[in-house]
Protein backbone atom coordinates (compact mmCIF):
# COMPACT_ATOMS: atom_id res chain seq x y z
CA GLN A 1 70.04 91.96 120.83
CA GLU A 2 68.65 94.00 123.75
CA ALA A 3 71.90 93.73 125.75
CA CYS A 4 73.90 94.72 122.67
CA GLU A 5 71.84 97.81 121.92
CA ALA A 6 71.74 98.75 125.63
CA ARG A 7 75.58 99.09 125.49
CA GLY A 8 75.22 101.51 122.59
CA CYS A 9 76.37 98.95 120.07
CA THR A 10 74.93 98.11 116.66
CA TRP A 11 73.07 94.83 116.14
CA CYS A 12 73.13 93.25 112.69
CA SER A 13 72.16 89.62 112.30
CA THR A 14 73.78 87.74 109.44
CA ASP A 15 73.95 84.29 107.86
CA VAL A 16 77.73 84.58 107.47
CA PRO A 17 79.33 81.92 109.71
CA ASN A 18 81.30 83.29 112.70
CA ALA A 19 80.55 86.93 111.84
CA PRO A 20 79.78 89.14 114.86
CA TRP A 21 76.20 90.28 115.25
CA CYS A 22 77.01 92.96 117.84
CA PHE A 23 79.70 95.57 117.19
CA PHE A 24 80.66 99.15 117.99
CA PRO A 25 79.13 101.75 115.68
CA GLU A 26 81.42 103.81 113.45
CA ASP A 27 81.08 106.89 115.68
CA SER A 28 81.89 104.96 118.89
CA PRO A 29 84.13 106.74 121.44
CA TYR A 30 86.15 103.52 121.73
CA GLY A 31 88.88 102.37 119.41
CA TYR A 32 91.09 104.26 117.01
CA ALA A 33 90.69 106.70 114.15
CA ARG A 34 92.98 107.35 111.21
CA SER A 35 95.33 110.28 111.67
CA GLY A 36 95.93 111.87 108.28
CA ASP A 37 96.09 110.16 104.93
CA ALA A 38 97.34 106.68 104.15
CA GLU A 39 101.02 106.76 103.15
CA LYS A 40 102.00 104.70 100.10
CA THR A 41 105.09 102.51 100.62
CA ASP A 42 107.07 100.32 98.18
CA LYS A 43 105.17 97.27 99.47
CA GLY A 44 101.74 98.69 100.29
CA TRP A 45 100.44 101.26 102.77
CA ARG A 46 101.20 102.78 106.18
CA ILE A 47 98.56 104.43 108.36
CA THR A 48 98.82 106.10 111.75
CA LEU A 49 95.93 105.55 114.15
CA ASN A 50 95.17 107.53 117.32
CA LYS A 51 92.82 106.62 120.15
CA ARG A 52 89.46 108.33 119.75
CA GLN A 53 89.06 109.23 123.42
CA ALA A 54 90.55 108.45 126.80
CA LEU A 55 87.94 105.70 127.28
CA THR A 56 89.44 102.23 127.39
CA LEU A 57 88.01 98.74 127.35
CA PHE A 58 91.12 96.74 128.16
CA GLY A 59 93.65 99.20 129.63
CA ASN A 60 97.26 99.93 128.67
CA ASP A 61 96.21 101.29 125.30
CA ILE A 62 98.90 102.60 122.96
CA SER A 63 98.47 105.77 120.96
CA PRO A 64 99.52 106.34 118.29
CA VAL A 65 99.62 102.92 116.62
CA VAL A 66 100.90 102.30 113.11
CA LEU A 67 99.23 99.88 110.70
CA GLU A 68 101.38 98.60 107.84
CA VAL A 69 99.72 96.74 105.00
CA GLU A 70 101.97 94.76 102.67
CA PHE A 71 100.91 93.13 99.38
CA GLN A 72 103.11 90.01 99.49
CA THR A 73 101.69 87.82 96.75
CA LYS A 74 98.63 87.76 94.55
CA ASP A 75 96.82 85.80 97.27
CA ARG A 76 98.58 86.87 100.47
CA LEU A 77 98.32 90.12 102.41
CA ARG A 78 100.32 90.92 105.54
CA PHE A 79 99.21 93.51 108.07
CA ARG A 80 101.12 94.58 111.14
CA PHE A 81 100.23 96.89 114.04
CA TYR A 82 103.06 98.39 116.10
CA ASP A 83 103.95 101.13 118.56
CA PRO A 84 106.12 103.66 116.67
CA ASN A 85 107.53 105.03 119.94
CA LYS A 86 108.64 101.84 121.64
CA GLN A 87 110.35 98.75 120.26
CA ARG A 88 108.98 95.36 121.17
CA PHE A 89 110.05 91.82 120.50
CA GLU A 90 108.90 90.40 117.19
CA VAL A 91 109.37 86.84 116.10
CA PRO A 92 112.26 86.92 113.60
CA LEU A 93 110.30 85.19 110.87
CA LYS A 94 111.15 86.14 107.30
CA ILE A 95 108.37 85.52 104.80
CA ASN A 96 109.49 86.92 101.50
CA GLY A 97 107.09 87.27 98.64
CA PRO A 98 107.71 88.53 95.15
CA GLY A 99 105.72 91.67 96.02
CA VAL A 100 102.72 92.65 93.96
CA THR A 101 100.82 95.85 93.45
CA ALA A 102 97.24 96.39 94.56
CA GLU A 103 96.14 96.04 90.93
CA GLU A 104 97.74 92.57 90.65
CA ALA A 105 96.27 91.23 93.90
CA SER A 106 93.20 89.00 93.93
CA TYR A 107 91.89 90.95 96.95
CA GLU A 108 91.02 94.57 97.72
CA VAL A 109 92.07 96.79 100.62
CA GLU A 110 89.99 99.76 101.74
CA PHE A 111 90.62 102.25 104.54
């Protein structure tokens, strides 16, 4: 706990198995922040994220990054992060679902 808080992180112990106890606070200079509103698509949502600051933990960060959320079935959600400015290889795997709306899904998505 001391090492976590010394890094400026938030400590929160939990009984949930495999849940992290140490994590960056919401106002951390690291990571990404939403740029604008979430855009509704025919299959879900699209959100653009920009790096919060020039600080980096791992290097070679991409900004902006797009997050696409797709409601595939009542019990399956697909999310995908990608660089909107540079194509990359993606495994050509087609997983088609009937497509459901957020109201039909047995899960909730919040941004």
